[in-house]
Amino acid sequence: GFAKTTEQNYELLRKLEYLKVLGLPILAGLSRKSMITRPLNIS
């Protein structure tokens, strides 16, 4: 959701495991964001 379009957010989610190459824990902040509300046209 930070400087990313809806489509880019989904690409990031699909390829999240790519970040494992850095060998560090990953945090996902997806809760109630626009990448959910916009495709579904909900609040």
ModelCIF file with pLDDT and N, C-alpha, C, O atoms, coordinates in Angstrom:
data_MODEL
#
_entry.id   MODEL 
#
_entity.id                         1 
_entity.type                       polymer 
_entity.pdbx_number_of_molecules   1 
#
_entity_poly.entity_id                      1 
_entity_poly.type                           'polypeptide(L)' 
_entity_poly.nstd_linkage                   no 
_entity_poly.nstd_monomer                   no 
_entity_poly.pdbx_seq_one_letter_code       GFAKTTEQNYELLRKLEYLKVLGLPILAGLSRKSMITRPLNIS 
_entity_poly.pdbx_seq_one_letter_code_can   GFAKTTEQNYELLRKLEYLKVLGLPILAGLSRKSMITRPLNIS 
_entity_poly.pdbx_strand_id                 A 
#
loop_
_entity_poly_seq.entity_id 
_entity_poly_seq.num 
_entity_poly_seq.mon_id 
_entity_poly_seq.hetero 
1 1  GLY n 
1 2  PHE n 
1 3  ALA n 
1 4  LYS n 
1 5  THR n 
1 6  THR n 
1 7  GLU n 
1 8  GLN n 
1 9  ASN n 
1 10 TYR n 
1 11 GLU n 
1 12 LEU n 
1 13 LEU n 
1 14 ARG n 
1 15 LYS n 
1 16 LEU n 
1 17 GLU n 
1 18 TYR n 
1 19 LEU n 
1 20 LYS n 
1 21 VAL n 
1 22 LEU n 
1 23 GLY n 
1 24 LEU n 
1 25 PRO n 
1 26 ILE n 
1 27 LEU n 
1 28 ALA n 
1 29 GLY n 
1 30 LEU n 
1 31 SER n 
1 32 ARG n 
1 33 LYS n 
1 34 SER n 
1 35 MET n 
1 36 ILE n 
1 37 THR n 
1 38 ARG n 
1 39 PRO n 
1 40 LEU n 
1 41 ASN n 
1 42 ILE n 
1 43 SER n 
#
_struct_asym.id          A 
_struct_asym.entity_id   1 
#
loop_
_ma_qa_metric.id 
_ma_qa_metric.mode 
_ma_qa_metric.name 
_ma_qa_metric.software_group_id 
_ma_qa_metric.type 
1 global pLDDT . pLDDT 
2 local  pLDDT . pLDDT 
#
_ma_qa_metric_global.metric_id      1 
_ma_qa_metric_global.metric_value   97.30 
_ma_qa_metric_global.model_id       1 
_ma_qa_metric_global.ordinal_id     1 
#
loop_
_ma_qa_metric_local.label_asym_id 
_ma_qa_metric_local.label_comp_id 
_ma_qa_metric_local.label_seq_id 
_ma_qa_metric_local.metric_id 
_ma_qa_metric_local.metric_value 
_ma_qa_metric_local.model_id 
_ma_qa_metric_local.ordinal_id 
A GLY 1  2 94.00 1 1  
A PHE 2  2 94.00 1 2  
A ALA 3  2 94.00 1 3  
A LYS 4  2 96.00 1 4  
A THR 5  2 96.00 1 5  
A THR 6  2 97.00 1 6  
A GLU 7  2 97.00 1 7  
A GLN 8  2 97.00 1 8  
A ASN 9  2 98.00 1 9  
A TYR 10 2 98.00 1 10 
A GLU 11 2 98.00 1 11 
A LEU 12 2 98.00 1 12 
A LEU 13 2 98.00 1 13 
A ARG 14 2 98.00 1 14 
A LYS 15 2 98.00 1 15 
A LEU 16 2 98.00 1 16 
A GLU 17 2 97.00 1 17 
A TYR 18 2 98.00 1 18 
A LEU 19 2 98.00 1 19 
A LYS 20 2 98.00 1 20 
A VAL 21 2 98.00 1 21 
A LEU 22 2 98.00 1 22 
A GLY 23 2 98.00 1 23 
A LEU 24 2 98.00 1 24 
A PRO 25 2 98.00 1 25 
A ILE 26 2 98.00 1 26 
A LEU 27 2 98.00 1 27 
A ALA 28 2 98.00 1 28 
A GLY 29 2 98.00 1 29 
A LEU 30 2 98.00 1 30 
A SER 31 2 97.00 1 31 
A ARG 32 2 97.00 1 32 
A LYS 33 2 96.00 1 33 
A SER 34 2 96.00 1 34 
A MET 35 2 97.00 1 35 
A ILE 36 2 98.00 1 36 
A THR 37 2 98.00 1 37 
A ARG 38 2 97.00 1 38 
A PRO 39 2 98.00 1 39 
A LEU 40 2 98.00 1 40 
A ASN 41 2 98.00 1 41 
A ILE 42 2 98.00 1 42 
A SER 43 2 96.00 1 43 
#
loop_
_atom_site.group_PDB 
_atom_site.id 
_atom_site.type_symbol 
_atom_site.label_atom_id 
_atom_site.label_alt_id 
_atom_site.label_comp_id 
_atom_site.label_asym_id 
_atom_site.label_entity_id 
_atom_site.label_seq_id 
_atom_site.pdbx_PDB_ins_code 
_atom_site.Cartn_x 
_atom_site.Cartn_y 
_atom_site.Cartn_z 
_atom_site.occupancy 
_atom_site.B_iso_or_equiv 
_atom_site.pdbx_formal_charge 
_atom_site.auth_seq_id 
_atom_site.auth_comp_id 
_atom_site.auth_asym_id 
_atom_site.auth_atom_id 
_atom_site.pdbx_PDB_model_num 
ATOM 1   N N  . GLY A 1 1  ? 0.786   -1.229  0.000  1.00 94.00 ? 1  GLY A N  1 
ATOM 2   C CA . GLY A 1 1  ? 0.000   0.000   0.000  1.00 94.00 ? 1  GLY A CA 1 
ATOM 3   C C  . GLY A 1 1  ? 0.809   1.265   0.000  1.00 94.00 ? 1  GLY A C  1 
ATOM 4   O O  . GLY A 1 1  ? 0.243   2.346   -0.163 1.00 94.00 ? 1  GLY A O  1 
ATOM 5   N N  . PHE A 1 2  ? 2.119   1.181   0.177  1.00 94.00 ? 2  PHE A N  1 
ATOM 6   C CA . PHE A 1 2  ? 2.958   2.374   0.222  1.00 94.00 ? 2  PHE A CA 1 
ATOM 7   C C  . PHE A 1 2  ? 3.633   2.573   -1.127 1.00 94.00 ? 2  PHE A C  1 
ATOM 8   O O  . PHE A 1 2  ? 4.564   1.849   -1.479 1.00 94.00 ? 2  PHE A O  1 
ATOM 9   N N  . ALA A 1 3  ? 3.157   3.556   -1.876 1.00 94.00 ? 3  ALA A N  1 
ATOM 10  C CA . ALA A 1 3  ? 3.695   3.872   -3.203 1.00 94.00 ? 3  ALA A CA 1 
ATOM 11  C C  . ALA A 1 3  ? 3.592   2.675   -4.133 1.00 94.00 ? 3  ALA A C  1 
ATOM 12  O O  . ALA A 1 3  ? 4.528   2.358   -4.866 1.00 94.00 ? 3  ALA A O  1 
ATOM 13  N N  . LYS A 1 4  ? 2.435   2.012   -4.093 1.00 96.00 ? 4  LYS A N  1 
ATOM 14  C CA . LYS A 1 4  ? 2.200   0.856   -4.952 1.00 96.00 ? 4  LYS A CA 1 
ATOM 15  C C  . LYS A 1 4  ? 0.738   0.829   -5.381 1.00 96.00 ? 4  LYS A C  1 
ATOM 16  O O  . LYS A 1 4  ? -0.151  1.170   -4.601 1.00 96.00 ? 4  LYS A O  1 
ATOM 17  N N  . THR A 1 5  ? 0.498   0.426   -6.610 1.00 96.00 ? 5  THR A N  1 
ATOM 18  C CA . THR A 1 5  ? -0.856  0.256   -7.103 1.00 96.00 ? 5  THR A CA 1 
ATOM 19  C C  . THR A 1 5  ? -1.424  -1.060  -6.581 1.00 96.00 ? 5  THR A C  1 
ATOM 20  O O  . THR A 1 5  ? -0.705  -1.873  -6.000 1.00 96.00 ? 5  THR A O  1 
ATOM 21  N N  . THR A 1 6  ? -2.712  -1.255  -6.794 1.00 97.00 ? 6  THR A N  1 
ATOM 22  C CA . THR A 1 6  ? -3.329  -2.520  -6.394 1.00 97.00 ? 6  THR A CA 1 
ATOM 23  C C  . THR A 1 6  ? -2.630  -3.694  -7.060 1.00 97.00 ? 6  THR A C  1 
ATOM 24  O O  . THR A 1 6  ? -2.327  -4.692  -6.407 1.00 97.00 ? 6  THR A O  1 
ATOM 25  N N  . GLU A 1 7  ? -2.374  -3.579  -8.355 1.00 97.00 ? 7  GLU A N  1 
ATOM 26  C CA . GLU A 1 7  ? -1.731  -4.668  -9.086 1.00 97.00 ? 7  GLU A CA 1 
ATOM 27  C C  . GLU A 1 7  ? -0.326  -4.928  -8.556 1.00 97.00 ? 7  GLU A C  1 
ATOM 28  O O  . GLU A 1 7  ? 0.091   -6.081  -8.452 1.00 97.00 ? 7  GLU A O  1 
ATOM 29  N N  . GLN A 1 8  ? 0.399   -3.880  -8.226 1.00 97.00 ? 8  GLN A N  1 
ATOM 30  C CA . GLN A 1 8  ? 1.747   -4.043  -7.688 1.00 97.00 ? 8  GLN A CA 1 
ATOM 31  C C  . GLN A 1 8  ? 1.724   -4.699  -6.307 1.00 97.00 ? 8  GLN A C  1 
ATOM 32  O O  . GLN A 1 8  ? 2.610   -5.488  -5.977 1.00 97.00 ? 8  GLN A O  1 
ATOM 33  N N  . ASN A 1 9  ? 0.722   -4.376  -5.512 1.00 98.00 ? 9  ASN A N  1 
ATOM 34  C CA . ASN A 1 9  ? 0.591   -5.011  -4.204 1.00 98.00 ? 9  ASN A CA 1 
ATOM 35  C C  . ASN A 1 9  ? 0.410   -6.523  -4.344 1.00 98.00 ? 9  ASN A C  1 
ATOM 36  O O  . ASN A 1 9  ? 0.969   -7.295  -3.565 1.00 98.00 ? 9  ASN A O  1 
ATOM 37  N N  . TYR A 1 10 ? -0.371  -6.937  -5.335 1.00 98.00 ? 10 TYR A N  1 
ATOM 38  C CA . TYR A 1 10 ? -0.581  -8.374  -5.525 1.00 98.00 ? 10 TYR A CA 1 
ATOM 39  C C  . TYR A 1 10 ? 0.667   -9.051  -6.090 1.00 98.00 ? 10 TYR A C  1 
ATOM 40  O O  . TYR A 1 10 ? 0.947   -10.203 -5.756 1.00 98.00 ? 10 TYR A O  1 
ATOM 41  N N  . GLU A 1 11 ? 1.403   -8.364  -6.923 1.00 98.00 ? 11 GLU A N  1 
ATOM 42  C CA . GLU A 1 11 ? 2.679   -8.916  -7.382 1.00 98.00 ? 11 GLU A CA 1 
ATOM 43  C C  . GLU A 1 11 ? 3.622   -9.114  -6.196 1.00 98.00 ? 11 GLU A C  1 
ATOM 44  O O  . GLU A 1 11 ? 4.297   -10.138 -6.083 1.00 98.00 ? 11 GLU A O  1 
ATOM 45  N N  . LEU A 1 12 ? 3.655   -8.116  -5.317 1.00 98.00 ? 12 LEU A N  1 
ATOM 46  C CA . LEU A 1 12 ? 4.495   -8.190  -4.122 1.00 98.00 ? 12 LEU A CA 1 
ATOM 47  C C  . LEU A 1 12 ? 4.093   -9.363  -3.236 1.00 98.00 ? 12 LEU A C  1 
ATOM 48  O O  . LEU A 1 12 ? 4.951   -10.058 -2.691 1.00 98.00 ? 12 LEU A O  1 
ATOM 49  N N  . LEU A 1 13 ? 2.797   -9.580  -3.093 1.00 98.00 ? 13 LEU A N  1 
ATOM 50  C CA . LEU A 1 13 ? 2.316   -10.698 -2.274 1.00 98.00 ? 13 LEU A CA 1 
ATOM 51  C C  . LEU A 1 13 ? 2.696   -12.041 -2.903 1.00 98.00 ? 13 LEU A C  1 
ATOM 52  O O  . LEU A 1 13 ? 3.137   -12.954 -2.205 1.00 98.00 ? 13 LEU A O  1 
ATOM 53  N N  . ARG A 1 14 ? 2.522   -12.158 -4.231 1.00 98.00 ? 14 ARG A N  1 
ATOM 54  C CA . ARG A 1 14 ? 2.875   -13.406 -4.913 1.00 98.00 ? 14 ARG A CA 1 
ATOM 55  C C  . ARG A 1 14 ? 4.357   -13.732 -4.773 1.00 98.00 ? 14 ARG A C  1 
ATOM 56  O O  . ARG A 1 14 ? 4.735   -14.898 -4.666 1.00 98.00 ? 14 ARG A O  1 
ATOM 57  N N  . LYS A 1 15 ? 5.200   -12.688 -4.774 1.00 98.00 ? 15 LYS A N  1 
ATOM 58  C CA . LYS A 1 15 ? 6.649   -12.873 -4.786 1.00 98.00 ? 15 LYS A CA 1 
ATOM 59  C C  . LYS A 1 15 ? 7.290   -12.543 -3.431 1.00 98.00 ? 15 LYS A C  1 
ATOM 60  O O  . LYS A 1 15 ? 8.488   -12.267 -3.358 1.00 98.00 ? 15 LYS A O  1 
ATOM 61  N N  . LEU A 1 16 ? 6.499   -12.573 -2.374 1.00 98.00 ? 16 LEU A N  1 
ATOM 62  C CA . LEU A 1 16 ? 6.992   -12.198 -1.053 1.00 98.00 ? 16 LEU A CA 1 
ATOM 63  C C  . LEU A 1 16 ? 8.209   -13.035 -0.644 1.00 98.00 ? 16 LEU A C  1 
ATOM 64  O O  . LEU A 1 16 ? 9.129   -12.529 -0.003 1.00 98.00 ? 16 LEU A O  1 
ATOM 65  N N  . GLU A 1 17 ? 8.206   -14.297 -1.013 1.00 97.00 ? 17 GLU A N  1 
ATOM 66  C CA . GLU A 1 17 ? 9.296   -15.186 -0.618 1.00 97.00 ? 17 GLU A CA 1 
ATOM 67  C C  . GLU A 1 17 ? 10.634  -14.761 -1.213 1.00 97.00 ? 17 GLU A C  1 
ATOM 68  O O  . GLU A 1 17 ? 11.679  -15.202 -0.736 1.00 97.00 ? 17 GLU A O  1 
ATOM 69  N N  . TYR A 1 18 ? 10.627  -13.913 -2.246 1.00 98.00 ? 18 TYR A N  1 
ATOM 70  C CA . TYR A 1 18 ? 11.883  -13.419 -2.801 1.00 98.00 ? 18 TYR A CA 1 
ATOM 71  C C  . TYR A 1 18 ? 12.707  -12.712 -1.725 1.00 98.00 ? 18 TYR A C  1 
ATOM 72  O O  . TYR A 1 18 ? 13.937  -12.735 -1.762 1.00 98.00 ? 18 TYR A O  1 
ATOM 73  N N  . LEU A 1 19 ? 12.015  -12.078 -0.760 1.00 98.00 ? 19 LEU A N  1 
ATOM 74  C CA . LEU A 1 19 ? 12.717  -11.324 0.281  1.00 98.00 ? 19 LEU A CA 1 
ATOM 75  C C  . LEU A 1 19 ? 13.512  -12.232 1.207  1.00 98.00 ? 19 LEU A C  1 
ATOM 76  O O  . LEU A 1 19 ? 14.383  -11.760 1.938  1.00 98.00 ? 19 LEU A O  1 
ATOM 77  N N  . LYS A 1 20 ? 13.223  -13.531 1.184  1.00 98.00 ? 20 LYS A N  1 
ATOM 78  C CA . LYS A 1 20 ? 13.938  -14.471 2.039  1.00 98.00 ? 20 LYS A CA 1 
ATOM 79  C C  . LYS A 1 20 ? 15.420  -14.521 1.721  1.00 98.00 ? 20 LYS A C  1 
ATOM 80  O O  . LYS A 1 20 ? 16.218  -14.960 2.549  1.00 98.00 ? 20 LYS A O  1 
ATOM 81  N N  . VAL A 1 21 ? 15.801  -14.073 0.523  1.00 98.00 ? 21 VAL A N  1 
ATOM 82  C CA . VAL A 1 21 ? 17.206  -14.086 0.148  1.00 98.00 ? 21 VAL A CA 1 
ATOM 83  C C  . VAL A 1 21 ? 18.034  -13.214 1.084  1.00 98.00 ? 21 VAL A C  1 
ATOM 84  O O  . VAL A 1 21 ? 19.243  -13.409 1.205  1.00 98.00 ? 21 VAL A O  1 
ATOM 85  N N  . LEU A 1 22 ? 17.389  -12.250 1.749  1.00 98.00 ? 22 LEU A N  1 
ATOM 86  C CA . LEU A 1 22 ? 18.108  -11.365 2.669  1.00 98.00 ? 22 LEU A CA 1 
ATOM 87  C C  . LEU A 1 22 ? 18.298  -11.992 4.041  1.00 98.00 ? 22 LEU A C  1 
ATOM 88  O O  . LEU A 1 22 ? 19.024  -11.448 4.872  1.00 98.00 ? 22 LEU A O  1 
ATOM 89  N N  . GLY A 1 23 ? 17.654  -13.132 4.293  1.00 98.00 ? 23 GLY A N  1 
ATOM 90  C CA . GLY A 1 23 ? 17.872  -13.861 5.527  1.00 98.00 ? 23 GLY A CA 1 
ATOM 91  C C  . GLY A 1 23 ? 17.320  -13.200 6.770  1.00 98.00 ? 23 GLY A C  1 
ATOM 92  O O  . GLY A 1 23 ? 17.854  -13.402 7.861  1.00 98.00 ? 23 GLY A O  1 
ATOM 93  N N  . LEU A 1 24 ? 16.268  -12.416 6.634  1.00 98.00 ? 24 LEU A N  1 
ATOM 94  C CA . LEU A 1 24 ? 15.695  -11.684 7.770  1.00 98.00 ? 24 LEU A CA 1 
ATOM 95  C C  . LEU A 1 24 ? 14.200  -11.954 7.873  1.00 98.00 ? 24 LEU A C  1 
ATOM 96  O O  . LEU A 1 24 ? 13.573  -12.314 6.877  1.00 98.00 ? 24 LEU A O  1 
ATOM 97  N N  . PRO A 1 25 ? 13.609  -11.786 9.071  1.00 98.00 ? 25 PRO A N  1 
ATOM 98  C CA . PRO A 1 25 ? 12.163  -11.974 9.220  1.00 98.00 ? 25 PRO A CA 1 
ATOM 99  C C  . PRO A 1 25 ? 11.390  -10.966 8.375  1.00 98.00 ? 25 PRO A C  1 
ATOM 100 O O  . PRO A 1 25 ? 11.870  -9.871  8.083  1.00 98.00 ? 25 PRO A O  1 
ATOM 101 N N  . ILE A 1 26 ? 10.174  -11.372 7.990  1.00 98.00 ? 26 ILE A N  1 
ATOM 102 C CA . ILE A 1 26 ? 9.321   -10.534 7.136  1.00 98.00 ? 26 ILE A CA 1 
ATOM 103 C C  . ILE A 1 26 ? 8.024   -10.222 7.869  1.00 98.00 ? 26 ILE A C  1 
ATOM 104 O O  . ILE A 1 26 ? 7.382   -11.110 8.430  1.00 98.00 ? 26 ILE A O  1 
ATOM 105 N N  . LEU A 1 27 ? 7.657   -8.967  7.854  1.00 98.00 ? 27 LEU A N  1 
ATOM 106 C CA . LEU A 1 27 ? 6.374   -8.515  8.404  1.00 98.00 ? 27 LEU A CA 1 
ATOM 107 C C  . LEU A 1 27 ? 5.439   -8.180  7.250  1.00 98.00 ? 27 LEU A C  1 
ATOM 108 O O  . LEU A 1 27 ? 5.846   -7.533  6.285  1.00 98.00 ? 27 LEU A O  1 
ATOM 109 N N  . ALA A 1 28 ? 4.188   -8.618  7.347  1.00 98.00 ? 28 ALA A N  1 
ATOM 110 C CA . ALA A 1 28 ? 3.179   -8.299  6.329  1.00 98.00 ? 28 ALA A CA 1 
ATOM 111 C C  . ALA A 1 28 ? 2.068   -7.465  6.961  1.00 98.00 ? 28 ALA A C  1 
ATOM 112 O O  . ALA A 1 28 ? 1.386   -7.916  7.881  1.00 98.00 ? 28 ALA A O  1 
ATOM 113 N N  . GLY A 1 29 ? 1.897   -6.253  6.460  1.00 98.00 ? 29 GLY A N  1 
ATOM 114 C CA . GLY A 1 29 ? 0.822   -5.376  6.915  1.00 98.00 ? 29 GLY A CA 1 
ATOM 115 C C  . GLY A 1 29 ? -0.227  -5.250  5.825  1.00 98.00 ? 29 GLY A C  1 
ATOM 116 O O  . GLY A 1 29 ? -0.127  -4.399  4.941  1.00 98.00 ? 29 GLY A O  1 
ATOM 117 N N  . LEU A 1 30 ? -1.235  -6.110  5.902  1.00 98.00 ? 30 LEU A N  1 
ATOM 118 C CA . LEU A 1 30 ? -2.270  -6.182  4.859  1.00 98.00 ? 30 LEU A CA 1 
ATOM 119 C C  . LEU A 1 30 ? -3.649  -5.759  5.367  1.00 98.00 ? 30 LEU A C  1 
ATOM 120 O O  . LEU A 1 30 ? -4.578  -5.579  4.580  1.00 98.00 ? 30 LEU A O  1 
ATOM 121 N N  . SER A 1 31 ? -3.773  -5.606  6.659  1.00 97.00 ? 31 SER A N  1 
ATOM 122 C CA . SER A 1 31 ? -5.074  -5.513  7.301  1.00 97.00 ? 31 SER A CA 1 
ATOM 123 C C  . SER A 1 31 ? -5.957  -4.384  6.770  1.00 97.00 ? 31 SER A C  1 
ATOM 124 O O  . SER A 1 31 ? -5.637  -3.203  6.908  1.00 97.00 ? 31 SER A O  1 
ATOM 125 N N  . ARG A 1 32 ? -7.090  -4.785  6.152  1.00 97.00 ? 32 ARG A N  1 
ATOM 126 C CA . ARG A 1 32 ? -8.149  -3.875  5.710  1.00 97.00 ? 32 ARG A CA 1 
ATOM 127 C C  . ARG A 1 32 ? -7.664  -2.791  4.729  1.00 97.00 ? 32 ARG A C  1 
ATOM 128 O O  . ARG A 1 32 ? -8.249  -1.710  4.661  1.00 97.00 ? 32 ARG A O  1 
ATOM 129 N N  . LYS A 1 33 ? -6.608  -3.081  3.980  1.00 96.00 ? 33 LYS A N  1 
ATOM 130 C CA . LYS A 1 33 ? -6.041  -2.082  3.075  1.00 96.00 ? 33 LYS A CA 1 
ATOM 131 C C  . LYS A 1 33 ? -6.799  -2.018  1.753  1.00 96.00 ? 33 LYS A C  1 
ATOM 132 O O  . LYS A 1 33 ? -7.653  -2.853  1.456  1.00 96.00 ? 33 LYS A O  1 
ATOM 133 N N  . SER A 1 34 ? -6.455  -0.991  0.969  1.00 96.00 ? 34 SER A N  1 
ATOM 134 C CA . SER A 1 34 ? -7.191  -0.734  -0.272 1.00 96.00 ? 34 SER A CA 1 
ATOM 135 C C  . SER A 1 34 ? -7.012  -1.840  -1.296 1.00 96.00 ? 34 SER A C  1 
ATOM 136 O O  . SER A 1 34 ? -7.852  -1.985  -2.184 1.00 96.00 ? 34 SER A O  1 
ATOM 137 N N  . MET A 1 35 ? -5.941  -2.630  -1.204 1.00 97.00 ? 35 MET A N  1 
ATOM 138 C CA . MET A 1 35 ? -5.782  -3.748  -2.143 1.00 97.00 ? 35 MET A CA 1 
ATOM 139 C C  . MET A 1 35 ? -6.865  -4.802  -1.924 1.00 97.00 ? 35 MET A C  1 
ATOM 140 O O  . MET A 1 35 ? -7.066  -5.678  -2.765 1.00 97.00 ? 35 MET A O  1 
ATOM 141 N N  . ILE A 1 36 ? -7.556  -4.714  -0.798 1.00 98.00 ? 36 ILE A N  1 
ATOM 142 C CA . ILE A 1 36 ? -8.713  -5.566  -0.522 1.00 98.00 ? 36 ILE A CA 1 
ATOM 143 C C  . ILE A 1 36 ? -10.006 -4.834  -0.856 1.00 98.00 ? 36 ILE A C  1 
ATOM 144 O O  . ILE A 1 36 ? -10.873 -5.382  -1.537 1.00 98.00 ? 36 ILE A O  1 
ATOM 145 N N  . THR A 1 37 ? -10.136 -3.618  -0.390 1.00 98.00 ? 37 THR A N  1 
ATOM 146 C CA . THR A 1 37 ? -11.412 -2.906  -0.534 1.00 98.00 ? 37 THR A CA 1 
ATOM 147 C C  . THR A 1 37 ? -11.715 -2.481  -1.963 1.00 98.00 ? 37 THR A C  1 
ATOM 148 O O  . THR A 1 37 ? -12.878 -2.477  -2.367 1.00 98.00 ? 37 THR A O  1 
ATOM 149 N N  . ARG A 1 38 ? -10.696 -2.125  -2.735 1.00 97.00 ? 38 ARG A N  1 
ATOM 150 C CA . ARG A 1 38 ? -10.951 -1.644  -4.094 1.00 97.00 ? 38 ARG A CA 1 
ATOM 151 C C  . ARG A 1 38 ? -11.446 -2.745  -5.026 1.00 97.00 ? 38 ARG A C  1 
ATOM 152 O O  . ARG A 1 38 ? -12.462 -2.547  -5.692 1.00 97.00 ? 38 ARG A O  1 
ATOM 153 N N  . PRO A 1 39 ? -10.780 -3.894  -5.105 1.00 98.00 ? 39 PRO A N  1 
ATOM 154 C CA . PRO A 1 39 ? -11.303 -4.944  -5.999 1.00 98.00 ? 39 PRO A CA 1 
ATOM 155 C C  . PRO A 1 39 ? -12.699 -5.413  -5.616 1.00 98.00 ? 39 PRO A C  1 
ATOM 156 O O  . PRO A 1 39 ? -13.487 -5.800  -6.479 1.00 98.00 ? 39 PRO A O  1 
ATOM 157 N N  . LEU A 1 40 ? -13.008 -5.379  -4.312 1.00 98.00 ? 40 LEU A N  1 
ATOM 158 C CA . LEU A 1 40 ? -14.306 -5.865  -3.841 1.00 98.00 ? 40 LEU A CA 1 
ATOM 159 C C  . LEU A 1 40 ? -15.357 -4.760  -3.754 1.00 98.00 ? 40 LEU A C  1 
ATOM 160 O O  . LEU A 1 40 ? -16.537 -5.028  -3.528 1.00 98.00 ? 40 LEU A O  1 
ATOM 161 N N  . ASN A 1 41 ? -14.912 -3.510  -3.936 1.00 98.00 ? 41 ASN A N  1 
ATOM 162 C CA . ASN A 1 41 ? -15.819 -2.362  -3.830 1.00 98.00 ? 41 ASN A CA 1 
ATOM 163 C C  . ASN A 1 41 ? -16.555 -2.360  -2.483 1.00 98.00 ? 41 ASN A C  1 
ATOM 164 O O  . ASN A 1 41 ? -17.782 -2.278  -2.422 1.00 98.00 ? 41 ASN A O  1 
ATOM 165 N N  . ILE A 1 42 ? -15.770 -2.451  -1.419 1.00 98.00 ? 42 ILE A N  1 
ATOM 166 C CA . ILE A 1 42 ? -16.313 -2.472  -0.064 1.00 98.00 ? 42 ILE A CA 1 
ATOM 167 C C  . ILE A 1 42 ? -15.566 -1.455  0.789  1.00 98.00 ? 42 ILE A C  1 
ATOM 168 O O  . ILE A 1 42 ? -14.564 -0.883  0.360  1.00 98.00 ? 42 ILE A O  1 
ATOM 169 N N  . SER A 1 43 ? -16.065 -1.238  2.001  1.00 96.00 ? 43 SER A N  1 
ATOM 170 C CA . SER A 1 43 ? -15.406 -0.335  2.942  1.00 96.00 ? 43 SER A CA 1 
ATOM 171 C C  . SER A 1 43 ? -14.419 -1.130  3.802  1.00 96.00 ? 43 SER A C  1 
ATOM 172 O O  . SER A 1 43 ? -13.753 -0.558  4.665  1.00 96.00 ? 43 SER A O  1 
#
